[in-house]
Amino acid sequence: MKTVAQQMFRTCNKLVSRKTPNDVVEAHPSNLETAAQLENIQHIPSPSHPPSAEAVRESVHHVAVVMERAHHGGGWLLSGIICINILILGCALVSGSAFNSVAITAVHRQIFVIVLLLLTMLWMLFYTVFTSRKDQAVLFKDSHAGPVWLRVGLVLFGLLSLLMDIFKIANYVGYLHCDSAVKVAFPVVQAVFLVVQTYFLWIHAKDCVQVHTNFTRCGLTLTLSTNLVVWMAAVTEESIHQTEIPDLNFSVSHKMYRASYGDKKCKCSHSVCDTFKEAYYYLYPFNIEYSLFASAMAYVMWKNVGRLVEDHSHHNVRFRPKDVCLGPLAGILLVVIGLVTFILYEVDVLEEEKRNMALLIHFIVNIVIVSLMSISAMIGCIFYRLDRREHVSEKNPTRSLDMGLLVGASMGQFVISYFTIVAVVATGARGYLNALNLGWAVLTVLQLGLQNYFIIEGLHREPFHVMQEAALHTNAHALQEHVEMSIVMESNKSSYFLTSSLSKTSWKRRVLKEVCAFLLFANIILWIMPAFGARPQFDHPLEIKFYKFTMWAAIVNIGLPFGIFYRMHSVASLFEVYLLS
């Protein structure tokens, strides 16, 4: 019966797709549950007794009516309202707890997040135990959603986030005698949430659920907004920890940046509190990336609720590192050099007499990195112009989300770069450090534009192996149709030319793979440096003097987290482009 239902959905999908070519039909039932429609479909005669043409037309019309009603339902609106309200309230509480030392504290924000985490876990358990096990609940799977490498990354970041929560628990336990127990309860609940959510997304990331659609949409937007609130809280805490008020002879409100524990009279009861505190702050970048990964996967699941997809399996692409050599080697060398200079920067920038030299080395290394990345991305763009692969026109929520996140997250780095350009040019760019800072900002803008174009073009191109399979399939049909000896010889000749032409294009594939591999490693080192504490925006005083500290701190602390996420998201997108190449 499940097979019959799937056949009916695919038939309806094809009929409607004739009206809108190149689109995958999506249905989002809200007023009428899809489960009830599937029960009606069950009355279709079995394949041994084919249904009449009138019955087929009636069934197709019935499903089409359901699909038409689905777009006018309130499920999307309700789930969107829930998400927006949670995000705005969470943003207000996070901002209030960061910049207010009396009325709203970190405890109030943590209580709110604990409630969100518990509600989200309850919904996940309901979905896993009831919704997903309901008869005909998940008839379709989105083969593009939640690839293995993305889920493995989620597990890795989840494990490091779990370690961060363990360090937090060990740290906050030392303050139980004089501080709120909520600060211990929060990392405990978050640790349980990490385990539950990671299991949930690993199992159900590809689901296109067809029952309990309205409730599922609301649950997924709750999951999405919960992860984003956790992300905002982690970014705020980490930014406050990394932002130090410089001594530049102008007034700054010190109330904005207060200690994490409030009253300094509260002393830790054991001697390793400071060690645990420093340790878990170094793990914040992984927790931040985990929340964003989970948010993206929850959004794709939300888009797939009630979606009818074609029964196409995802192309089985094998990862073969032996295809490339120069790109990974150059990328790894760049990562090593970047790590060495980053460590030197973190050590020397704390000493006043060595700060200028540390900034000089940091600026030069970053200029070299973004210059090489710009050249590589430009080479890749040129090869795309020479490439004859067709663009993929299939509607795909995962690819659409990748594009949106890539362009949207790059705006953070664009904002910082353009504000730097304006400040340096307006002050005359006097001195070698200002000139290097200006060059880094200009080259970063160029690199972001070229890399975005390269990744977006790569994600929209048909995979190379699909073209080869289609060509060989066509050639095999030609061999079957002509059995005469002369025709066979001619076909063998055409097969030879086909094989030789495919081998000629392999060098294009290799160049694209080399570019992808190099850009992947370069983005890793550009993620590591700011994620783990490199803040030349505050160590170099020009922008602070030009914009004043309060305004510049707001610009950097809002834009930099998006820039950090952009680098990690670029790594994931470049890996996808590498596989497609």
Protein backbone atom coordinates (compact mmCIF):
# COMPACT_ATOMS: atom_id res chain seq x y z
CA MET A 1 0.00 0.00 0.00
CA LYS A 2 2.91 2.36 0.67
CA THR A 3 4.14 1.73 -2.88
CA VAL A 4 0.71 2.55 -4.32
CA ALA A 5 0.60 5.78 -2.30
CA GLN A 6 4.03 6.79 -3.51
CA GLN A 7 3.02 6.08 -7.12
CA MET A 8 -0.05 8.29 -6.73
CA PHE A 9 2.00 11.13 -5.26
CA ARG A 10 4.55 10.88 -8.08
CA THR A 11 1.76 10.82 -10.70
CA CYS A 12 0.22 13.95 -9.22
CA ASN A 13 3.68 15.49 -9.01
CA LYS A 14 4.32 14.94 -12.71
CA LEU A 15 0.89 16.25 -13.75
CA VAL A 16 1.29 19.48 -11.81
CA SER A 17 4.91 19.90 -12.87
CA ARG A 18 3.71 20.20 -16.48
CA LYS A 19 2.22 23.54 -15.51
CA THR A 20 5.43 24.69 -13.83
CA PRO A 21 8.37 23.01 -15.55
CA ASN A 22 11.67 22.39 -13.81
CA ASP A 23 10.05 22.72 -10.38
CA VAL A 24 9.62 20.00 -7.80
CA VAL A 25 6.06 19.97 -6.51
CA GLU A 26 5.74 20.76 -2.83
CA ALA A 27 2.71 20.31 -0.66
CA HIS A 28 2.28 21.69 2.80
CA PRO A 29 -1.04 20.54 4.20
CA SER A 30 -2.31 22.52 7.09
CA ASN A 31 -6.13 22.62 7.19
CA LEU A 32 -6.36 18.99 6.10
CA GLU A 33 -3.88 16.42 7.40
CA THR A 34 -2.04 14.43 4.77
CA ALA A 35 -2.66 11.28 6.74
CA ALA A 36 -6.37 11.54 5.99
CA GLN A 37 -5.62 11.94 2.31
CA LEU A 38 -3.42 8.85 2.34
CA GLU A 39 -6.32 6.87 3.81
CA ASN A 40 -8.38 7.91 0.80
CA ILE A 41 -5.60 6.83 -1.49
CA GLN A 42 -5.63 3.40 0.12
CA HIS A 43 -9.00 2.74 -1.52
CA ILE A 44 -7.30 2.66 -4.91
CA PRO A 45 -7.49 -0.84 -6.40
CA SER A 46 -4.41 -2.99 -6.22
CA PRO A 47 -2.08 -3.29 -9.23
CA SER A 48 -3.69 -6.65 -10.13
CA HIS A 49 -6.96 -4.74 -10.81
CA PRO A 50 -5.93 -1.54 -12.56
CA PRO A 51 -8.12 1.47 -11.73
CA SER A 52 -10.29 3.00 -14.40
CA ALA A 53 -9.33 6.25 -16.08
CA GLU A 54 -12.19 8.02 -14.32
CA ALA A 55 -11.01 6.79 -10.91
CA VAL A 56 -7.44 7.93 -11.62
CA ARG A 57 -8.65 11.36 -12.71
CA GLU A 58 -10.81 11.66 -9.60
CA SER A 59 -7.93 10.67 -7.31
CA VAL A 60 -5.50 13.04 -8.99
CA HIS A 61 -8.02 15.86 -8.78
CA HIS A 62 -8.59 15.06 -5.09
CA VAL A 63 -4.85 15.23 -4.28
CA ALA A 64 -4.50 18.40 -6.36
CA VAL A 65 -7.28 20.03 -4.33
CA VAL A 66 -5.48 19.04 -1.12
CA MET A 67 -2.25 20.54 -2.43
CA GLU A 68 -4.07 23.75 -3.38
CA ARG A 69 -5.60 24.04 0.10
CA ALA A 70 -2.21 23.40 1.66
CA HIS A 71 -0.77 26.68 0.44
CA HIS A 72 -3.55 28.64 2.15
CA GLY A 73 -3.27 26.94 5.56
CA GLY A 74 -2.16 28.53 8.81
CA GLY A 75 0.63 26.09 9.70
CA TRP A 76 3.39 28.14 8.09
CA LEU A 77 2.10 31.38 9.58
CA LEU A 78 1.76 29.97 13.10
CA SER A 79 5.22 28.41 13.11
CA GLY A 80 6.74 31.61 11.75
CA ILE A 81 5.06 33.70 14.45
CA ILE A 82 6.39 31.34 17.14
CA CYS A 83 9.92 31.59 15.76
CA ILE A 84 9.93 35.39 15.46
CA ASN A 85 8.55 35.93 18.98
CA ILE A 86 11.05 33.56 20.60
CA LEU A 87 13.96 35.15 18.73
CA ILE A 88 12.97 38.73 19.63
CA LEU A 89 12.39 37.87 23.29
CA GLY A 90 15.65 35.91 23.40
CA CYS A 91 17.55 38.79 21.79
CA ALA A 92 16.12 41.22 24.37
CA LEU A 93 17.05 38.97 27.30
CA VAL A 94 20.54 38.25 25.96
CA SER A 95 21.22 41.94 25.36
CA GLY A 96 19.76 42.91 28.73
CA SER A 97 21.82 40.36 30.64
CA ALA A 98 24.99 41.52 28.87
CA PHE A 99 24.59 45.27 29.31
CA ASN A 100 22.58 45.57 32.53
CA SER A 101 24.08 44.79 35.90
CA VAL A 102 20.96 45.09 38.09
CA ALA A 103 17.53 44.42 36.58
CA ILE A 104 18.38 41.52 34.23
CA THR A 105 21.18 39.11 35.03
CA ALA A 106 22.63 36.04 33.35
CA VAL A 107 20.43 33.90 35.61
CA HIS A 108 17.23 35.29 34.05
CA ARG A 109 18.53 34.58 30.58
CA GLN A 110 19.62 31.06 31.54
CA ILE A 111 16.17 30.28 33.02
CA PHE A 112 14.57 31.33 29.73
CA VAL A 113 16.98 29.17 27.71
CA ILE A 114 16.46 26.19 30.03
CA VAL A 115 12.69 26.39 29.41
CA LEU A 116 13.31 26.48 25.64
CA LEU A 117 15.68 23.52 25.81
CA LEU A 118 13.22 21.42 27.81
CA LEU A 119 10.29 22.22 25.49
CA THR A 120 12.40 21.41 22.43
CA MET A 121 13.52 18.09 23.89
CA LEU A 122 9.91 17.17 24.70
CA TRP A 123 8.88 17.85 21.11
CA MET A 124 11.83 15.85 19.73
CA LEU A 125 10.86 12.88 21.90
CA PHE A 126 7.24 13.18 20.72
CA TYR A 127 8.33 13.28 17.08
CA THR A 128 10.66 10.31 17.47
CA VAL A 129 8.23 8.14 19.46
CA PHE A 130 4.88 9.04 17.87
CA THR A 131 5.00 11.10 14.67
CA SER A 132 7.81 9.33 12.81
CA ARG A 133 6.44 5.88 13.71
CA LYS A 134 2.93 6.61 12.53
CA ASP A 135 1.80 4.63 9.49
CA GLN A 136 2.83 6.40 6.27
CA ALA A 137 4.29 9.32 8.20
CA VAL A 138 7.49 9.62 6.15
CA LEU A 139 6.83 8.51 2.58
CA PHE A 140 9.67 10.55 1.10
CA LYS A 141 13.25 11.41 2.01
CA ASP A 142 15.13 14.50 0.81
CA SER A 143 18.36 12.98 -0.46
CA HIS A 144 20.12 16.36 -0.46
CA ALA A 145 19.36 17.16 3.19
CA GLY A 146 21.73 16.18 5.98
CA PRO A 147 24.61 14.53 4.05
CA VAL A 148 26.88 12.26 6.04
CA TRP A 149 29.79 14.71 6.20
CA LEU A 150 27.48 17.41 7.60
CA ARG A 151 26.11 15.09 10.27
CA VAL A 152 29.63 13.96 11.17
CA GLY A 153 30.59 17.63 11.60
CA LEU A 154 27.53 18.10 13.80
CA VAL A 155 28.60 15.17 16.00
CA LEU A 156 32.17 16.50 16.24
CA PHE A 157 31.07 19.99 17.26
CA GLY A 158 28.52 18.43 19.60
CA LEU A 159 31.19 16.42 21.41
CA LEU A 160 33.37 19.50 21.88
CA SER A 161 30.34 21.46 23.07
CA LEU A 162 29.61 18.67 25.54
CA LEU A 163 33.16 19.00 26.83
CA MET A 164 32.57 22.74 27.23
CA ASP A 165 29.47 22.06 29.33
CA ILE A 166 31.43 19.65 31.53
CA PHE A 167 34.06 22.35 32.16
CA LYS A 168 31.29 24.86 32.91
CA ILE A 169 29.70 22.51 35.45
CA ALA A 170 33.05 21.95 37.16
CA ASN A 171 33.65 25.70 37.23
CA TYR A 172 30.20 26.82 38.43
CA VAL A 173 30.13 24.20 41.19
CA GLY A 174 32.84 26.22 42.91
CA TYR A 175 30.45 29.16 43.22
CA LEU A 176 27.39 27.32 44.54
CA HIS A 177 27.93 28.62 48.08
CA CYS A 178 27.50 32.24 46.96
CA ASP A 179 25.84 32.16 43.55
CA SER A 180 22.67 30.84 41.93
CA ALA A 181 22.26 27.08 41.32
CA VAL A 182 20.77 27.96 37.92
CA LYS A 183 24.31 28.47 36.62
CA VAL A 184 25.00 24.80 37.30
CA ALA A 185 21.60 23.61 36.04
CA PHE A 186 22.02 25.39 32.69
CA PRO A 187 25.08 23.47 31.40
CA VAL A 188 23.56 20.22 32.71
CA VAL A 189 20.34 20.75 30.73
CA GLN A 190 22.32 21.92 27.70
CA ALA A 191 24.49 18.79 27.80
CA VAL A 192 21.39 16.56 27.75
CA PHE A 193 19.96 18.70 24.94
CA LEU A 194 23.13 18.22 22.88
CA VAL A 195 22.80 14.44 23.08
CA VAL A 196 19.07 14.39 22.29
CA GLN A 197 19.28 16.87 19.41
CA THR A 198 22.33 15.26 17.80
CA TYR A 199 20.58 11.88 17.79
CA PHE A 200 17.38 13.47 16.46
CA LEU A 201 19.09 15.25 13.57
CA TRP A 202 21.25 12.24 12.68
CA ILE A 203 18.15 10.04 12.32
CA HIS A 204 15.51 12.42 10.96
CA ALA A 205 17.37 15.14 9.01
CA LYS A 206 16.09 13.80 5.67
CA ASP A 207 12.44 13.33 6.66
CA CYS A 208 9.62 14.79 4.57
CA VAL A 209 6.93 14.10 7.16
CA GLN A 210 3.32 13.89 5.96
CA VAL A 211 1.40 13.69 9.27
CA HIS A 212 1.01 16.07 12.23
CA THR A 213 2.30 18.71 9.82
CA ASN A 214 1.23 21.83 11.72
CA PHE A 215 2.54 20.53 15.04
CA THR A 216 5.77 19.41 13.37
CA ARG A 217 6.30 22.81 11.78
CA CYS A 218 5.83 24.51 15.15
CA GLY A 219 8.22 22.05 16.77
CA LEU A 220 10.87 22.63 14.12
CA THR A 221 10.63 26.42 14.42
CA LEU A 222 10.93 25.98 18.19
CA THR A 223 14.11 23.94 17.56
CA LEU A 224 15.40 26.55 15.12
CA SER A 225 14.75 29.50 17.42
CA THR A 226 16.16 27.67 20.47
CA ASN A 227 19.44 27.00 18.69
CA LEU A 228 19.62 30.61 17.51
CA VAL A 229 19.00 31.93 21.04
CA VAL A 230 21.76 29.64 22.34
CA TRP A 231 23.97 30.94 19.53
CA MET A 232 23.24 34.57 20.43
CA ALA A 233 24.00 33.93 24.10
CA ALA A 234 27.26 32.14 23.31
CA VAL A 235 28.37 34.84 20.84
CA THR A 236 27.60 37.58 23.37
CA GLU A 237 29.49 35.88 26.19
CA GLU A 238 32.46 35.11 23.97
CA SER A 239 32.56 38.63 22.52
CA ILE A 240 32.44 40.24 25.96
CA HIS A 241 35.24 37.93 27.11
CA GLN A 242 37.41 38.84 24.10
CA THR A 243 36.66 42.58 24.15
CA GLU A 244 38.95 44.56 26.41
CA ILE A 245 38.50 48.28 26.92
CA PRO A 246 41.68 50.03 25.73
CA ASP A 247 43.27 52.97 27.49
CA LEU A 248 42.86 55.66 24.84
CA ASN A 249 42.16 58.71 27.04
CA PHE A 250 38.42 58.91 26.39
CA SER A 251 35.51 57.89 28.51
CA VAL A 252 33.87 54.48 28.13
CA SER A 253 31.08 53.09 30.23
CA HIS A 254 32.65 50.22 32.14
CA LYS A 255 29.18 49.03 33.15
CA MET A 256 28.78 47.62 29.66
CA TYR A 257 31.43 44.97 30.19
CA ARG A 258 31.15 43.44 33.61
CA ALA A 259 32.44 40.21 35.11
CA SER A 260 30.66 36.97 34.28
CA TYR A 261 29.92 36.25 37.91
CA GLY A 262 28.58 39.64 38.93
CA ASP A 263 29.79 40.26 42.49
CA LYS A 264 33.57 39.97 42.73
CA LYS A 265 33.24 39.07 46.41
CA CYS A 266 32.04 35.60 45.38
CA LYS A 267 35.17 33.46 45.48
CA CYS A 268 35.56 29.97 44.07
CA SER A 269 35.67 27.15 46.60
CA HIS A 270 38.34 25.17 44.71
CA SER A 271 41.63 26.17 43.12
CA VAL A 272 41.01 25.16 39.48
CA CYS A 273 38.10 27.49 38.69
CA ASP A 274 40.22 29.81 36.56
CA THR A 275 41.64 26.85 34.63
CA PHE A 276 38.18 25.51 33.78
CA LYS A 277 37.01 29.01 32.87
CA GLU A 278 39.83 29.56 30.38
CA ALA A 279 39.34 26.07 28.98
CA TYR A 280 35.65 26.39 28.22
CA TYR A 281 36.10 29.83 26.65
CA TYR A 282 38.41 28.20 24.10
CA LEU A 283 35.61 25.74 23.29
CA TYR A 284 32.99 28.44 22.64
CA PRO A 285 33.69 28.54 18.85
CA PHE A 286 32.69 24.89 18.52
CA ASN A 287 29.48 25.43 20.48
CA ILE A 288 28.67 28.43 18.28
CA GLU A 289 29.18 26.40 15.10
CA TYR A 290 27.14 23.50 16.50
CA SER A 291 24.16 25.77 17.13
CA LEU A 292 24.35 27.15 13.59
CA PHE A 293 24.67 23.69 12.03
CA ALA A 294 21.65 22.48 13.99
CA SER A 295 19.67 25.60 13.03
CA ALA A 296 20.37 25.03 9.33
CA MET A 297 19.32 21.37 9.51
CA ALA A 298 16.14 22.26 11.42
CA TYR A 299 15.28 24.86 8.78
CA VAL A 300 15.65 22.32 5.96
CA MET A 301 13.41 19.88 7.85
CA TRP A 302 10.85 22.69 8.28
CA LYS A 303 10.89 23.35 4.53
CA ASN A 304 10.46 19.61 3.86
CA VAL A 305 7.35 19.16 6.01
CA GLY A 306 4.63 17.82 3.68
CA ARG A 307 6.95 18.09 0.69
CA LEU A 308 6.50 15.66 -2.21
CA VAL A 309 9.83 14.89 -3.86
CA GLU A 310 10.74 12.92 -6.91
CA ASP A 311 11.97 9.41 -6.17
CA HIS A 312 15.55 10.20 -7.12
CA SER A 313 18.37 8.94 -4.95
CA HIS A 314 21.27 11.23 -4.26
CA HIS A 315 24.21 10.65 -6.55
CA ASN A 316 26.75 8.42 -4.87
CA VAL A 317 29.88 10.55 -5.00
CA ARG A 318 33.05 9.07 -3.62
CA PHE A 319 35.68 11.21 -1.96
CA ARG A 320 39.06 10.41 -3.50
CA PRO A 321 41.89 12.59 -2.14
CA LYS A 322 44.34 11.10 -4.68
CA ASP A 323 42.69 13.21 -7.39
CA VAL A 324 44.40 16.33 -6.07
CA CYS A 325 47.83 17.14 -4.75
CA LEU A 326 48.96 20.75 -5.13
CA GLY A 327 45.87 22.38 -3.60
CA PRO A 328 45.83 20.39 -0.33
CA LEU A 329 49.60 20.71 0.14
CA ALA A 330 49.53 24.46 -0.38
CA GLY A 331 46.48 24.73 1.86
CA ILE A 332 48.03 22.70 4.68
CA LEU A 333 51.22 24.80 4.45
CA LEU A 334 49.08 27.92 4.72
CA VAL A 335 47.30 26.50 7.81
CA VAL A 336 50.63 25.72 9.51
CA ILE A 337 52.04 29.18 8.79
CA GLY A 338 48.81 30.76 9.96
CA LEU A 339 48.81 28.79 13.21
CA VAL A 340 52.41 29.76 13.99
CA THR A 341 51.80 33.44 13.35
CA PHE A 342 48.51 33.30 15.28
CA ILE A 343 50.25 31.89 18.36
CA LEU A 344 52.97 34.54 18.10
CA TYR A 345 50.33 37.21 17.73
CA GLU A 346 48.42 36.04 20.82
CA VAL A 347 51.62 36.08 22.89
CA ASP A 348 53.24 39.30 21.63
CA VAL A 349 50.14 41.49 21.36
CA LEU A 350 49.81 41.49 25.15
CA GLU A 351 53.18 43.28 25.50
CA GLU A 352 53.15 46.97 24.61
CA GLU A 353 56.63 47.04 23.05
CA LYS A 354 55.91 44.01 20.80
CA ARG A 355 52.35 44.90 19.78
CA ASN A 356 53.23 46.74 16.57
CA MET A 357 55.42 43.90 15.37
CA ALA A 358 52.68 41.37 16.14
CA LEU A 359 50.16 43.45 14.19
CA LEU A 360 52.62 43.83 11.30
CA ILE A 361 53.10 40.05 10.99
CA HIS A 362 49.37 39.39 11.37
CA PHE A 363 48.43 41.89 8.66
CA ILE A 364 51.06 40.58 6.22
CA VAL A 365 50.04 36.94 6.69
CA ASN A 366 46.37 37.73 6.21
CA ILE A 367 47.12 39.80 3.09
CA VAL A 368 49.08 36.88 1.61
CA ILE A 369 46.27 34.44 2.43
CA VAL A 370 43.43 36.50 0.94
CA SER A 371 45.57 37.36 -2.11
CA LEU A 372 46.24 33.69 -2.88
CA MET A 373 42.57 32.89 -2.26
CA SER A 374 41.49 35.64 -4.66
CA ILE A 375 43.81 34.34 -7.39
CA SER A 376 42.62 30.76 -6.87
CA ALA A 377 38.93 31.74 -6.90
CA MET A 378 39.50 33.78 -10.07
CA ILE A 379 41.10 30.76 -11.77
CA GLY A 380 38.11 28.65 -10.73
CA CYS A 381 35.67 31.25 -12.10
CA ILE A 382 37.49 31.28 -15.43
CA PHE A 383 37.25 27.50 -15.67
CA TYR A 384 33.53 27.68 -14.94
CA ARG A 385 33.16 29.99 -17.93
CA LEU A 386 34.89 27.32 -20.06
CA ASP A 387 32.78 24.56 -18.52
CA ARG A 388 29.92 23.12 -20.57
CA ARG A 389 28.06 21.51 -17.69
CA GLU A 390 24.41 22.46 -17.41
CA HIS A 391 22.97 24.37 -14.48
CA VAL A 392 20.80 22.38 -12.08
CA SER A 393 17.30 23.87 -12.09
CA GLU A 394 15.72 21.46 -9.60
CA LYS A 395 14.11 23.14 -6.60
CA ASN A 396 16.16 22.23 -3.54
CA PRO A 397 15.70 23.76 -0.04
CA THR A 398 19.20 22.67 1.02
CA ARG A 399 20.91 24.41 -1.88
CA SER A 400 18.73 27.52 -1.48
CA LEU A 401 19.66 27.70 2.21
CA ASP A 402 23.36 27.30 1.36
CA MET A 403 23.16 30.24 -1.03
CA GLY A 404 21.32 32.43 1.46
CA LEU A 405 23.66 31.64 4.35
CA LEU A 406 26.74 32.13 2.19
CA VAL A 407 25.72 35.58 0.97
CA GLY A 408 24.09 36.64 4.25
CA ALA A 409 26.99 35.59 6.49
CA SER A 410 29.54 37.32 4.24
CA MET A 411 27.78 40.62 4.98
CA GLY A 412 29.35 40.64 8.45
CA GLN A 413 32.89 40.65 7.05
CA PHE A 414 31.87 43.11 4.32
CA VAL A 415 30.60 45.55 6.96
CA ILE A 416 33.81 45.41 9.03
CA SER A 417 36.00 45.76 5.92
CA TYR A 418 34.12 48.75 4.52
CA PHE A 419 34.05 50.52 7.90
CA THR A 420 37.81 49.96 8.11
CA ILE A 421 38.34 51.33 4.59
CA VAL A 422 36.37 54.48 5.40
CA ALA A 423 38.23 55.05 8.68
CA VAL A 424 41.70 54.53 7.19
CA VAL A 425 41.08 56.64 4.09
CA ALA A 426 39.45 59.42 6.10
CA THR A 427 42.45 59.67 8.45
CA GLY A 428 44.97 59.64 5.58
CA ALA A 429 46.35 56.08 6.02
CA ARG A 430 49.56 57.36 7.59
CA GLY A 431 52.04 54.71 8.70
CA TYR A 432 52.77 51.19 7.51
CA LEU A 433 50.24 49.55 9.85
CA ASN A 434 47.39 51.69 8.50
CA ALA A 435 48.46 50.96 4.92
CA LEU A 436 48.54 47.23 5.60
CA ASN A 437 45.18 47.40 7.36
CA LEU A 438 43.71 49.19 4.33
CA GLY A 439 45.19 46.64 1.93
CA TRP A 440 43.82 43.76 3.99
CA ALA A 441 40.32 45.27 4.02
CA VAL A 442 40.28 45.91 0.25
CA LEU A 443 41.61 42.44 -0.60
CA THR A 444 39.09 40.83 1.78
CA VAL A 445 36.22 42.51 -0.08
CA LEU A 446 37.61 41.24 -3.40
CA GLN A 447 38.17 37.73 -2.03
CA LEU A 448 34.67 37.47 -0.58
CA GLY A 449 33.07 38.44 -3.89
CA LEU A 450 35.16 36.01 -5.97
CA GLN A 451 34.71 33.13 -3.52
CA ASN A 452 30.94 33.62 -3.32
CA TYR A 453 30.71 33.53 -7.11
CA PHE A 454 32.90 30.42 -7.32
CA ILE A 455 30.93 28.48 -4.70
CA ILE A 456 27.49 29.46 -6.02
CA GLU A 457 28.45 28.52 -9.58
CA GLY A 458 29.86 25.20 -8.39
CA LEU A 459 26.77 24.27 -6.40
CA HIS A 460 24.53 25.00 -9.39
CA ARG A 461 26.48 22.88 -11.87
CA GLU A 462 25.61 19.32 -12.85
CA PRO A 463 28.10 16.81 -11.38
CA PHE A 464 30.78 15.64 -13.82
CA HIS A 465 30.06 11.95 -13.28
CA VAL A 466 26.39 12.47 -14.22
CA MET A 467 27.44 13.85 -17.60
CA GLN A 468 29.77 10.91 -18.17
CA GLU A 469 27.09 8.38 -17.22
CA ALA A 470 24.61 10.04 -19.58
CA ALA A 471 27.12 10.08 -22.43
CA LEU A 472 28.10 6.44 -21.94
CA HIS A 473 24.43 5.45 -21.65
CA THR A 474 23.66 7.16 -24.96
CA ASN A 475 26.64 5.47 -26.59
CA ALA A 476 25.51 2.04 -25.33
CA HIS A 477 22.09 2.54 -26.94
CA ALA A 478 23.79 3.43 -30.19
CA LEU A 479 25.75 0.17 -30.08
CA GLN A 480 22.59 -1.87 -29.47
CA GLU A 481 20.69 -0.32 -32.36
CA HIS A 482 23.35 -1.02 -35.02
CA VAL A 483 24.63 -4.56 -35.14
CA GLU A 484 26.26 -4.52 -38.56
CA MET A 485 30.04 -4.81 -38.54
CA SER A 486 30.66 -1.49 -40.20
CA ILE A 487 28.28 0.27 -37.85
CA VAL A 488 29.92 -1.46 -34.88
CA MET A 489 33.32 -0.26 -36.05
CA GLU A 490 31.94 3.25 -36.45
CA SER A 491 30.43 3.06 -33.00
CA ASN A 492 33.71 1.84 -31.54
CA LYS A 493 35.39 4.79 -33.20
CA SER A 494 32.83 7.17 -31.69
CA SER A 495 33.30 5.43 -28.34
CA TYR A 496 37.02 6.00 -28.65
CA PHE A 497 36.51 9.68 -29.39
CA LEU A 498 34.03 9.89 -26.50
CA THR A 499 36.51 8.31 -24.11
CA SER A 500 39.29 10.55 -25.30
CA SER A 501 37.10 13.64 -24.97
CA LEU A 502 36.19 12.65 -21.42
CA SER A 503 39.85 12.15 -20.58
CA LYS A 504 40.60 15.59 -22.03
CA THR A 505 38.10 17.18 -19.65
CA SER A 506 39.66 15.46 -16.65
CA TRP A 507 42.29 18.19 -16.39
CA LYS A 508 39.49 20.72 -15.91
CA ARG A 509 38.10 18.59 -13.12
CA ARG A 510 41.51 18.40 -11.50
CA VAL A 511 42.04 22.16 -11.61
CA LEU A 512 38.62 22.76 -10.04
CA LYS A 513 39.35 20.18 -7.34
CA GLU A 514 42.72 21.77 -6.61
CA VAL A 515 41.09 25.19 -6.26
CA CYS A 516 38.37 23.79 -3.99
CA ALA A 517 40.90 22.02 -1.76
CA PHE A 518 43.11 25.08 -1.44
CA LEU A 519 40.22 27.42 -0.65
CA LEU A 520 38.88 24.90 1.88
CA PHE A 521 42.09 24.88 3.93
CA ALA A 522 42.53 28.65 3.58
CA ASN A 523 39.05 29.23 4.99
CA ILE A 524 39.88 26.91 7.90
CA ILE A 525 42.81 29.06 9.01
CA LEU A 526 40.75 32.24 8.49
CA TRP A 527 38.14 30.65 10.78
CA ILE A 528 40.65 29.59 13.45
CA MET A 529 42.33 32.97 13.95
CA PRO A 530 39.27 35.13 14.79
CA ALA A 531 37.33 32.28 16.39
CA PHE A 532 40.04 31.68 18.98
CA GLY A 533 40.78 35.25 19.93
CA ALA A 534 42.60 37.25 17.23
CA ARG A 535 41.08 40.74 17.46
CA PRO A 536 43.27 43.18 15.50
CA GLN A 537 40.19 45.39 15.24
CA PHE A 538 40.67 46.25 18.93
CA ASP A 539 44.45 45.92 19.15
CA HIS A 540 44.93 48.45 16.32
CA PRO A 541 43.51 51.74 17.66
CA LEU A 542 42.71 53.63 14.45
CA GLU A 543 39.09 52.53 14.06
CA ILE A 544 38.43 52.95 17.79
CA LYS A 545 39.63 56.56 17.68
CA PHE A 546 37.65 57.27 14.52
CA TYR A 547 34.30 55.67 15.46
CA LYS A 548 34.73 55.76 19.26
CA PHE A 549 34.89 52.56 21.23
CA THR A 550 31.17 51.98 21.86
CA MET A 551 30.20 52.19 18.19
CA TRP A 552 33.20 50.22 16.91
CA ALA A 553 32.70 47.48 19.51
CA ALA A 554 29.08 47.10 18.39
CA ILE A 555 30.12 46.88 14.72
CA VAL A 556 32.81 44.26 15.36
CA ASN A 557 30.86 42.18 17.88
CA ILE A 558 27.89 41.97 15.50
CA GLY A 559 29.76 41.56 12.22
CA LEU A 560 32.61 39.28 13.32
CA PRO A 561 30.45 36.32 14.45
CA PHE A 562 28.82 36.29 11.02
CA GLY A 563 32.25 36.49 9.41
CA ILE A 564 33.46 33.55 11.50
CA PHE A 565 30.40 31.53 10.56
CA TYR A 566 30.94 32.46 6.90
CA ARG A 567 34.37 30.83 6.93
CA MET A 568 33.08 27.59 8.42
CA HIS A 569 30.06 27.54 6.10
CA SER A 570 32.41 28.13 3.15
CA VAL A 571 34.39 25.04 4.20
CA ALA A 572 31.21 22.93 4.05
CA SER A 573 30.13 24.45 0.72
CA LEU A 574 33.58 24.01 -0.83
CA PHE A 575 33.59 20.37 0.20
CA GLU A 576 30.26 19.95 -1.58
CA VAL A 577 31.64 21.68 -4.69
CA TYR A 578 34.69 19.40 -4.53
CA LEU A 579 32.46 16.34 -4.55
CA LEU A 580 30.41 17.67 -7.48
CA SER A 581 33.58 18.35 -9.45
